[in-house]
Amino acid sequence: MKHIFFILFISMSLLSFGQKTIPNTEVTTLNGKKAKLYDQISKDKITILSFWATWCVPCINELDAISEIYEEWQDDLNVEIIAISIDDSRSKKRIKPLINGKGWEYKVLIDKNQALKRALNISVIPHVIVLKDSKILYRHTGYTPGAEEELYKKIKELE
């Protein structure tokens, strides 16, 4: 019996900390349509998944900072950003008005039941994951001014 628990513990640890690919969970578009995450990720570009919420000031600051230089990034890097909201039923009604007010040019998806957040063991936002196809290349949590420049450098290394 001890061996079963040990194997289960090791398996869960590997899933939590050593995850190499993004799960193909269901997400929701801003229009309310359900979609599989893999269908939303570009196959020929580096994709940045930025997990955020309307109530998270550092998340908004990070997405605003990236928004200011996103056009340059697209010219210089083969990159796409997808902002994934983890807002729950109480705050999800704020997503569209916030995005409309910000004018962000990236794709925005909603992790409606936070299944993707749980599958990726995300406990802190903002949380950035850099992907190529569905493979996780880099992860970063938190935001301080200037972190977008560090992210840019990291993406340049990964290209």
N, C-alpha and C. Protein backbone atom coordinates (compact mmCIF):
# COMPACT_ATOMS: atom_id res chain seq x y z
N MET A 1 0.82 -1.19 0.00
CA MET A 1 0.00 0.00 0.00
C MET A 1 0.87 1.26 0.00
N LYS A 2 1.98 1.24 0.75
CA LYS A 2 2.88 2.39 0.79
C LYS A 2 3.41 2.71 -0.60
N HIS A 3 3.70 1.65 -1.37
CA HIS A 3 4.25 1.84 -2.70
C HIS A 3 3.27 2.55 -3.63
N ILE A 4 2.02 2.25 -3.49
CA ILE A 4 1.00 2.89 -4.33
C ILE A 4 0.95 4.39 -4.04
N PHE A 5 0.96 4.76 -2.78
CA PHE A 5 0.95 6.18 -2.42
C PHE A 5 2.21 6.88 -2.90
N PHE A 6 3.35 6.20 -2.79
CA PHE A 6 4.61 6.78 -3.24
C PHE A 6 4.59 7.01 -4.74
N ILE A 7 4.13 6.05 -5.50
CA ILE A 7 4.05 6.18 -6.96
C ILE A 7 3.07 7.29 -7.33
N LEU A 8 1.95 7.36 -6.65
CA LEU A 8 0.98 8.42 -6.89
C LEU A 8 1.58 9.79 -6.60
N PHE A 9 2.30 9.91 -5.48
CA PHE A 9 2.94 11.18 -5.11
C PHE A 9 3.96 11.60 -6.16
N ILE A 10 4.80 10.68 -6.59
CA ILE A 10 5.82 10.99 -7.60
C ILE A 10 5.15 11.40 -8.91
N SER A 11 4.12 10.69 -9.32
CA SER A 11 3.41 11.01 -10.56
C SER A 11 2.82 12.41 -10.51
N MET A 12 2.18 12.75 -9.40
CA MET A 12 1.57 14.07 -9.26
C MET A 12 2.65 15.15 -9.23
N SER A 13 3.77 14.88 -8.60
CA SER A 13 4.86 15.85 -8.55
C SER A 13 5.41 16.11 -9.94
N LEU A 14 5.60 15.06 -10.71
CA LEU A 14 6.10 15.22 -12.07
C LEU A 14 5.13 16.01 -12.92
N LEU A 15 3.85 15.74 -12.76
CA LEU A 15 2.84 16.49 -13.52
C LEU A 15 2.86 17.96 -13.12
N SER A 16 3.00 18.25 -11.86
CA SER A 16 2.96 19.61 -11.38
C SER A 16 4.17 20.42 -11.78
N PHE A 17 5.36 19.84 -11.63
CA PHE A 17 6.56 20.60 -11.80
C PHE A 17 7.28 20.36 -13.11
N GLY A 18 7.06 19.23 -13.75
CA GLY A 18 7.81 18.90 -14.93
C GLY A 18 6.99 18.92 -16.20
N GLN A 19 5.88 19.58 -16.17
CA GLN A 19 5.00 19.59 -17.33
C GLN A 19 5.71 20.23 -18.52
N LYS A 20 5.71 19.51 -19.63
CA LYS A 20 6.43 19.97 -20.82
C LYS A 20 5.50 20.46 -21.92
N THR A 21 4.24 20.09 -21.86
CA THR A 21 3.28 20.53 -22.87
C THR A 21 2.05 21.15 -22.21
N ILE A 22 1.37 21.94 -22.98
CA ILE A 22 0.16 22.60 -22.51
C ILE A 22 -1.01 21.63 -22.73
N PRO A 23 -1.92 21.50 -21.79
CA PRO A 23 -3.06 20.60 -22.01
C PRO A 23 -4.07 21.20 -22.99
N ASN A 24 -4.73 20.38 -23.71
CA ASN A 24 -5.70 20.84 -24.71
C ASN A 24 -7.08 20.99 -24.06
N THR A 25 -7.17 21.87 -23.10
CA THR A 25 -8.43 22.06 -22.38
C THR A 25 -9.36 22.97 -23.15
N GLU A 26 -10.58 23.02 -22.69
CA GLU A 26 -11.57 23.87 -23.31
C GLU A 26 -11.48 25.28 -22.73
N VAL A 27 -11.50 26.26 -23.61
CA VAL A 27 -11.53 27.67 -23.22
C VAL A 27 -12.73 28.31 -23.91
N THR A 28 -13.01 29.54 -23.55
CA THR A 28 -14.14 30.25 -24.14
C THR A 28 -13.62 31.52 -24.81
N THR A 29 -14.14 31.81 -26.00
CA THR A 29 -13.77 33.05 -26.67
C THR A 29 -14.56 34.20 -26.06
N LEU A 30 -14.20 35.42 -26.42
CA LEU A 30 -14.94 36.58 -25.92
C LEU A 30 -16.39 36.58 -26.39
N ASN A 31 -16.65 35.90 -27.50
CA ASN A 31 -18.01 35.80 -28.01
C ASN A 31 -18.82 34.71 -27.32
N GLY A 32 -18.20 34.02 -26.36
CA GLY A 32 -18.90 32.98 -25.62
C GLY A 32 -18.85 31.60 -26.25
N LYS A 33 -18.08 31.44 -27.32
CA LYS A 33 -17.99 30.14 -27.99
C LYS A 33 -16.91 29.30 -27.33
N LYS A 34 -17.19 28.02 -27.18
CA LYS A 34 -16.21 27.10 -26.62
C LYS A 34 -15.22 26.70 -27.70
N ALA A 35 -13.96 26.56 -27.28
CA ALA A 35 -12.90 26.18 -28.23
C ALA A 35 -11.85 25.37 -27.48
N LYS A 36 -11.15 24.54 -28.22
CA LYS A 36 -10.02 23.81 -27.67
C LYS A 36 -8.78 24.71 -27.75
N LEU A 37 -7.98 24.69 -26.72
CA LEU A 37 -6.81 25.56 -26.66
C LEU A 37 -5.88 25.34 -27.85
N TYR A 38 -5.66 24.09 -28.24
CA TYR A 38 -4.74 23.81 -29.35
C TYR A 38 -5.20 24.50 -30.64
N ASP A 39 -6.50 24.66 -30.80
CA ASP A 39 -7.01 25.32 -32.00
C ASP A 39 -6.75 26.83 -31.97
N GLN A 40 -6.45 27.36 -30.82
CA GLN A 40 -6.21 28.80 -30.66
C GLN A 40 -4.73 29.16 -30.74
N ILE A 41 -3.85 28.17 -30.60
CA ILE A 41 -2.41 28.40 -30.59
C ILE A 41 -1.85 28.29 -32.00
N SER A 42 -1.06 29.26 -32.39
CA SER A 42 -0.42 29.25 -33.69
C SER A 42 0.59 28.11 -33.76
N LYS A 43 0.61 27.41 -34.86
CA LYS A 43 1.54 26.28 -35.02
C LYS A 43 2.91 26.73 -35.50
N ASP A 44 3.01 27.92 -36.09
CA ASP A 44 4.29 28.35 -36.67
C ASP A 44 4.90 29.56 -35.95
N LYS A 45 4.33 29.95 -34.83
CA LYS A 45 4.84 31.09 -34.08
C LYS A 45 5.10 30.69 -32.63
N ILE A 46 5.92 31.47 -31.98
CA ILE A 46 6.02 31.36 -30.53
C ILE A 46 4.78 32.02 -29.96
N THR A 47 4.16 31.35 -29.02
CA THR A 47 2.94 31.88 -28.40
C THR A 47 3.20 32.18 -26.94
N ILE A 48 2.77 33.36 -26.52
CA ILE A 48 2.86 33.75 -25.12
C ILE A 48 1.45 33.67 -24.54
N LEU A 49 1.28 32.82 -23.54
CA LEU A 49 0.01 32.78 -22.81
C LEU A 49 0.20 33.63 -21.56
N SER A 50 -0.62 34.65 -21.42
CA SER A 50 -0.54 35.52 -20.25
C SER A 50 -1.81 35.33 -19.43
N PHE A 51 -1.70 34.69 -18.29
CA PHE A 51 -2.84 34.45 -17.41
C PHE A 51 -3.05 35.69 -16.55
N TRP A 52 -4.28 36.19 -16.53
CA TRP A 52 -4.59 37.45 -15.87
C TRP A 52 -6.03 37.44 -15.36
N ALA A 53 -6.39 38.48 -14.63
CA ALA A 53 -7.77 38.67 -14.18
C ALA A 53 -8.04 40.18 -14.09
N THR A 54 -9.29 40.55 -14.19
CA THR A 54 -9.66 41.97 -14.17
C THR A 54 -9.32 42.64 -12.85
N TRP A 55 -9.27 41.88 -11.77
CA TRP A 55 -8.99 42.42 -10.44
C TRP A 55 -7.50 42.46 -10.11
N CYS A 56 -6.65 41.99 -11.01
CA CYS A 56 -5.21 41.88 -10.77
C CYS A 56 -4.48 43.07 -11.41
N VAL A 57 -4.12 44.06 -10.60
CA VAL A 57 -3.45 45.26 -11.10
C VAL A 57 -2.12 44.94 -11.79
N PRO A 58 -1.24 44.11 -11.21
CA PRO A 58 0.00 43.78 -11.92
C PRO A 58 -0.26 43.11 -13.28
N CYS A 59 -1.32 42.31 -13.37
CA CYS A 59 -1.67 41.67 -14.65
C CYS A 59 -2.01 42.72 -15.71
N ILE A 60 -2.84 43.67 -15.32
CA ILE A 60 -3.26 44.74 -16.24
C ILE A 60 -2.03 45.57 -16.64
N ASN A 61 -1.18 45.89 -15.68
CA ASN A 61 0.03 46.66 -15.97
C ASN A 61 0.92 45.92 -16.97
N GLU A 62 1.06 44.61 -16.77
CA GLU A 62 1.90 43.82 -17.69
C GLU A 62 1.30 43.82 -19.09
N LEU A 63 0.02 43.56 -19.20
CA LEU A 63 -0.62 43.52 -20.52
C LEU A 63 -0.61 44.90 -21.19
N ASP A 64 -0.75 45.97 -20.41
CA ASP A 64 -0.64 47.32 -20.96
C ASP A 64 0.77 47.58 -21.50
N ALA A 65 1.77 47.20 -20.73
CA ALA A 65 3.17 47.42 -21.13
C ALA A 65 3.49 46.65 -22.41
N ILE A 66 3.04 45.43 -22.48
CA ILE A 66 3.28 44.62 -23.69
C ILE A 66 2.50 45.19 -24.86
N SER A 67 1.30 45.67 -24.61
CA SER A 67 0.47 46.24 -25.67
C SER A 67 1.16 47.41 -26.36
N GLU A 68 1.89 48.21 -25.57
CA GLU A 68 2.59 49.37 -26.14
C GLU A 68 3.68 48.98 -27.12
N ILE A 69 4.26 47.79 -26.94
CA ILE A 69 5.37 47.37 -27.81
C ILE A 69 5.02 46.13 -28.65
N TYR A 70 3.77 45.69 -28.58
CA TYR A 70 3.38 44.45 -29.26
C TYR A 70 3.56 44.54 -30.77
N GLU A 71 3.24 45.67 -31.36
CA GLU A 71 3.40 45.82 -32.81
C GLU A 71 4.87 45.66 -33.20
N GLU A 72 5.76 46.25 -32.42
CA GLU A 72 7.20 46.10 -32.68
C GLU A 72 7.61 44.63 -32.54
N TRP A 73 7.08 43.96 -31.52
CA TRP A 73 7.40 42.55 -31.31
C TRP A 73 6.98 41.73 -32.52
N GLN A 74 5.81 42.03 -33.07
CA GLN A 74 5.33 41.27 -34.22
C GLN A 74 6.21 41.50 -35.45
N ASP A 75 6.75 42.71 -35.57
CA ASP A 75 7.66 42.99 -36.69
C ASP A 75 9.00 42.29 -36.51
N ASP A 76 9.46 42.22 -35.28
CA ASP A 76 10.79 41.72 -34.97
C ASP A 76 10.84 40.23 -34.63
N LEU A 77 9.78 39.73 -34.01
CA LEU A 77 9.72 38.35 -33.55
C LEU A 77 8.54 37.63 -34.22
N ASN A 78 8.64 36.35 -34.33
CA ASN A 78 7.52 35.55 -34.83
C ASN A 78 6.72 35.11 -33.60
N VAL A 79 5.92 36.05 -33.05
CA VAL A 79 5.27 35.83 -31.77
C VAL A 79 3.80 36.25 -31.80
N GLU A 80 3.03 35.56 -30.98
CA GLU A 80 1.62 35.88 -30.80
C GLU A 80 1.33 35.84 -29.29
N ILE A 81 0.50 36.77 -28.82
CA ILE A 81 0.13 36.78 -27.41
C ILE A 81 -1.34 36.42 -27.28
N ILE A 82 -1.62 35.54 -26.33
CA ILE A 82 -3.00 35.20 -25.98
C ILE A 82 -3.16 35.50 -24.49
N ALA A 83 -4.04 36.43 -24.17
CA ALA A 83 -4.32 36.77 -22.77
C ALA A 83 -5.47 35.87 -22.31
N ILE A 84 -5.22 35.08 -21.28
CA ILE A 84 -6.23 34.14 -20.79
C ILE A 84 -6.73 34.60 -19.44
N SER A 85 -7.98 35.02 -19.42
CA SER A 85 -8.59 35.50 -18.18
C SER A 85 -9.01 34.33 -17.31
N ILE A 86 -8.70 34.44 -16.03
CA ILE A 86 -9.14 33.42 -15.06
C ILE A 86 -10.24 33.98 -14.17
N ASP A 87 -10.88 35.06 -14.61
CA ASP A 87 -11.98 35.63 -13.83
C ASP A 87 -13.06 34.60 -13.58
N ASP A 88 -13.63 34.65 -12.38
CA ASP A 88 -14.70 33.72 -12.03
C ASP A 88 -16.07 34.34 -12.34
N SER A 89 -17.12 33.66 -11.94
CA SER A 89 -18.48 34.11 -12.27
C SER A 89 -18.80 35.49 -11.71
N ARG A 90 -18.15 35.88 -10.62
CA ARG A 90 -18.42 37.19 -10.02
C ARG A 90 -17.79 38.33 -10.80
N SER A 91 -16.65 38.08 -11.43
CA SER A 91 -15.94 39.18 -12.09
C SER A 91 -15.87 39.06 -13.61
N LYS A 92 -16.37 37.97 -14.18
CA LYS A 92 -16.23 37.78 -15.63
C LYS A 92 -16.97 38.83 -16.46
N LYS A 93 -17.98 39.46 -15.88
CA LYS A 93 -18.72 40.48 -16.63
C LYS A 93 -17.88 41.74 -16.88
N ARG A 94 -16.75 41.86 -16.19
CA ARG A 94 -15.86 43.02 -16.36
C ARG A 94 -14.84 42.83 -17.49
N ILE A 95 -14.73 41.61 -18.03
CA ILE A 95 -13.69 41.32 -19.01
C ILE A 95 -13.86 42.15 -20.28
N LYS A 96 -15.01 42.04 -20.95
CA LYS A 96 -15.22 42.75 -22.21
C LYS A 96 -15.09 44.27 -22.08
N PRO A 97 -15.74 44.89 -21.08
CA PRO A 97 -15.57 46.34 -20.95
C PRO A 97 -14.11 46.76 -20.73
N LEU A 98 -13.37 45.99 -19.95
CA LEU A 98 -11.98 46.32 -19.71
C LEU A 98 -11.17 46.23 -21.00
N ILE A 99 -11.36 45.17 -21.74
CA ILE A 99 -10.62 44.97 -22.99
C ILE A 99 -10.98 46.05 -24.00
N ASN A 100 -12.27 46.37 -24.11
CA ASN A 100 -12.69 47.43 -25.04
C ASN A 100 -12.06 48.77 -24.68
N GLY A 101 -11.94 49.04 -23.40
CA GLY A 101 -11.32 50.28 -22.95
C GLY A 101 -9.82 50.33 -23.17
N LYS A 102 -9.19 49.18 -23.13
CA LYS A 102 -7.73 49.10 -23.28
C LYS A 102 -7.30 49.08 -24.74
N GLY A 103 -8.11 48.47 -25.59
CA GLY A 103 -7.74 48.35 -26.99
C GLY A 103 -6.61 47.38 -27.25
N TRP A 104 -6.47 46.37 -26.40
CA TRP A 104 -5.43 45.37 -26.60
C TRP A 104 -5.63 44.67 -27.93
N GLU A 105 -4.55 44.45 -28.63
CA GLU A 105 -4.61 43.83 -29.96
C GLU A 105 -4.46 42.31 -29.93
N TYR A 106 -4.28 41.74 -28.75
CA TYR A 106 -4.09 40.29 -28.74
C TYR A 106 -5.41 39.56 -28.55
N LYS A 107 -5.32 38.28 -28.85
CA LYS A 107 -6.46 37.39 -28.65
C LYS A 107 -6.70 37.24 -27.15
N VAL A 108 -7.96 37.26 -26.75
CA VAL A 108 -8.30 37.08 -25.35
C VAL A 108 -9.23 35.88 -25.23
N LEU A 109 -8.86 34.96 -24.36
CA LEU A 109 -9.67 33.77 -24.08
C LEU A 109 -10.02 33.76 -22.60
N ILE A 110 -11.03 32.98 -22.26
CA ILE A 110 -11.47 32.90 -20.88
C ILE A 110 -11.37 31.44 -20.42
N ASP A 111 -10.69 31.26 -19.31
CA ASP A 111 -10.57 29.95 -18.65
C ASP A 111 -11.74 29.89 -17.66
N LYS A 112 -12.91 29.65 -18.21
CA LYS A 112 -14.17 29.82 -17.49
C LYS A 112 -14.24 29.11 -16.13
N ASN A 113 -13.87 27.86 -16.09
CA ASN A 113 -13.92 27.09 -14.84
C ASN A 113 -12.54 26.90 -14.23
N GLN A 114 -11.57 27.64 -14.74
CA GLN A 114 -10.18 27.58 -14.28
C GLN A 114 -9.56 26.20 -14.41
N ALA A 115 -10.05 25.43 -15.37
CA ALA A 115 -9.51 24.09 -15.60
C ALA A 115 -8.08 24.15 -16.12
N LEU A 116 -7.81 25.10 -17.01
CA LEU A 116 -6.46 25.24 -17.55
C LEU A 116 -5.50 25.71 -16.46
N LYS A 117 -5.94 26.66 -15.66
CA LYS A 117 -5.14 27.16 -14.54
C LYS A 117 -4.76 26.02 -13.60
N ARG A 118 -5.73 25.19 -13.27
CA ARG A 118 -5.46 24.05 -12.37
C ARG A 118 -4.54 23.03 -13.03
N ALA A 119 -4.79 22.74 -14.30
CA ALA A 119 -3.97 21.74 -15.02
C ALA A 119 -2.51 22.16 -15.10
N LEU A 120 -2.27 23.47 -15.15
CA LEU A 120 -0.90 23.98 -15.23
C LEU A 120 -0.31 24.34 -13.87
N ASN A 121 -1.09 24.07 -12.82
CA ASN A 121 -0.64 24.32 -11.45
C ASN A 121 -0.26 25.79 -11.23
N ILE A 122 -1.10 26.68 -11.76
CA ILE A 122 -0.86 28.11 -11.62
C ILE A 122 -1.51 28.58 -10.33
N SER A 123 -0.70 29.16 -9.45
CA SER A 123 -1.23 29.64 -8.18
C SER A 123 -1.06 31.15 -8.03
N VAL A 124 -0.24 31.76 -8.89
CA VAL A 124 0.04 33.19 -8.82
C VAL A 124 -0.15 33.79 -10.21
N ILE A 125 -0.78 34.96 -10.25
CA ILE A 125 -0.87 35.70 -11.50
C ILE A 125 -0.32 37.09 -11.27
N PRO A 126 0.20 37.75 -12.29
CA PRO A 126 0.28 37.28 -13.66
C PRO A 126 1.25 36.10 -13.79
N HIS A 127 0.91 35.26 -14.74
CA HIS A 127 1.70 34.06 -15.01
C HIS A 127 1.85 33.97 -16.52
N VAL A 128 3.07 33.97 -16.99
CA VAL A 128 3.35 33.92 -18.42
C VAL A 128 3.97 32.58 -18.77
N ILE A 129 3.45 31.99 -19.84
CA ILE A 129 4.01 30.74 -20.36
C ILE A 129 4.33 30.97 -21.83
N VAL A 130 5.55 30.65 -22.23
CA VAL A 130 5.98 30.79 -23.61
C VAL A 130 5.97 29.39 -24.24
N LEU A 131 5.31 29.28 -25.39
CA LEU A 131 5.14 28.00 -26.07
C LEU A 131 5.66 28.06 -27.50
N LYS A 132 6.04 26.92 -27.99
CA LYS A 132 6.22 26.71 -29.42
C LYS A 132 5.37 25.50 -29.73
N ASP A 133 4.36 25.69 -30.58
CA ASP A 133 3.31 24.70 -30.80
C ASP A 133 2.64 24.48 -29.45
N SER A 134 2.72 23.33 -28.85
CA SER A 134 2.11 23.13 -27.53
C SER A 134 3.16 22.82 -26.46
N LYS A 135 4.41 22.99 -26.81
CA LYS A 135 5.51 22.69 -25.88
C LYS A 135 5.87 23.92 -25.05
N ILE A 136 5.95 23.74 -23.74
CA ILE A 136 6.30 24.82 -22.83
C ILE A 136 7.81 25.04 -22.86
N LEU A 137 8.22 26.27 -23.22
CA LEU A 137 9.63 26.61 -23.30
C LEU A 137 10.10 27.44 -22.11
N TYR A 138 9.17 28.20 -21.51
CA TYR A 138 9.54 29.13 -20.45
C TYR A 138 8.30 29.51 -19.66
N ARG A 139 8.47 29.72 -18.34
CA ARG A 139 7.39 30.18 -17.46
C ARG A 139 7.92 31.28 -16.56
N HIS A 140 7.05 32.25 -16.27
CA HIS A 140 7.43 33.34 -15.38
C HIS A 140 6.19 33.83 -14.64
N THR A 141 6.35 34.17 -13.36
CA THR A 141 5.24 34.71 -12.58
C THR A 141 5.59 36.10 -12.07
N GLY A 142 4.55 36.88 -11.82
CA GLY A 142 4.73 38.21 -11.28
C GLY A 142 5.04 39.23 -12.36
N TYR A 143 4.98 40.51 -11.99
CA TYR A 143 5.32 41.58 -12.92
C TYR A 143 5.89 42.77 -12.17
N THR A 144 6.97 43.30 -12.71
CA THR A 144 7.53 44.58 -12.28
C THR A 144 7.81 45.36 -13.57
N PRO A 145 7.74 46.68 -13.52
CA PRO A 145 8.01 47.47 -14.73
C PRO A 145 9.36 47.08 -15.33
N GLY A 146 9.36 46.89 -16.63
CA GLY A 146 10.57 46.47 -17.33
C GLY A 146 10.63 44.98 -17.58
N ALA A 147 9.77 44.21 -16.94
CA ALA A 147 9.77 42.75 -17.13
C ALA A 147 9.46 42.37 -18.58
N GLU A 148 8.75 43.25 -19.30
CA GLU A 148 8.44 42.97 -20.70
C GLU A 148 9.70 42.94 -21.55
N GLU A 149 10.72 43.73 -21.16
CA GLU A 149 11.99 43.71 -21.87
C GLU A 149 12.74 42.39 -21.63
N GLU A 150 12.66 41.89 -20.42
CA GLU A 150 13.26 40.58 -20.11
C GLU A 150 12.56 39.47 -20.89
N LEU A 151 11.24 39.58 -20.99
CA LEU A 151 10.47 38.60 -21.76
C LEU A 151 10.88 38.65 -23.22
N TYR A 152 11.05 39.84 -23.76
CA TYR A 152 11.49 40.02 -25.14
C TYR A 152 12.84 39.32 -25.36
N LYS A 153 13.78 39.54 -24.45
CA LYS A 153 15.10 38.92 -24.56
C LYS A 153 15.00 37.39 -24.53
N LYS A 154 14.15 36.89 -23.66
CA LYS A 154 13.97 35.44 -23.54
C LYS A 154 13.41 34.86 -24.83
N ILE A 155 12.45 35.55 -25.42
CA ILE A 155 11.85 35.08 -26.68
C ILE A 155 12.88 35.09 -27.79
N LYS A 156 13.73 36.13 -27.83
CA LYS A 156 14.81 36.19 -28.83
C LYS A 156 15.73 34.98 -28.71
N GLU A 157 16.02 34.57 -27.47
CA GLU A 157 16.86 33.40 -27.24
C GLU A 157 16.19 32.13 -27.74
N LEU A 158 14.88 32.05 -27.61
CA LEU A 158 14.15 30.83 -27.94
C LEU A 158 13.84 30.70 -29.43
N GLU A 159 13.89 31.80 -30.16
CA GLU A 159 13.55 31.76 -31.58
C GLU A 159 14.46 30.86 -32.37
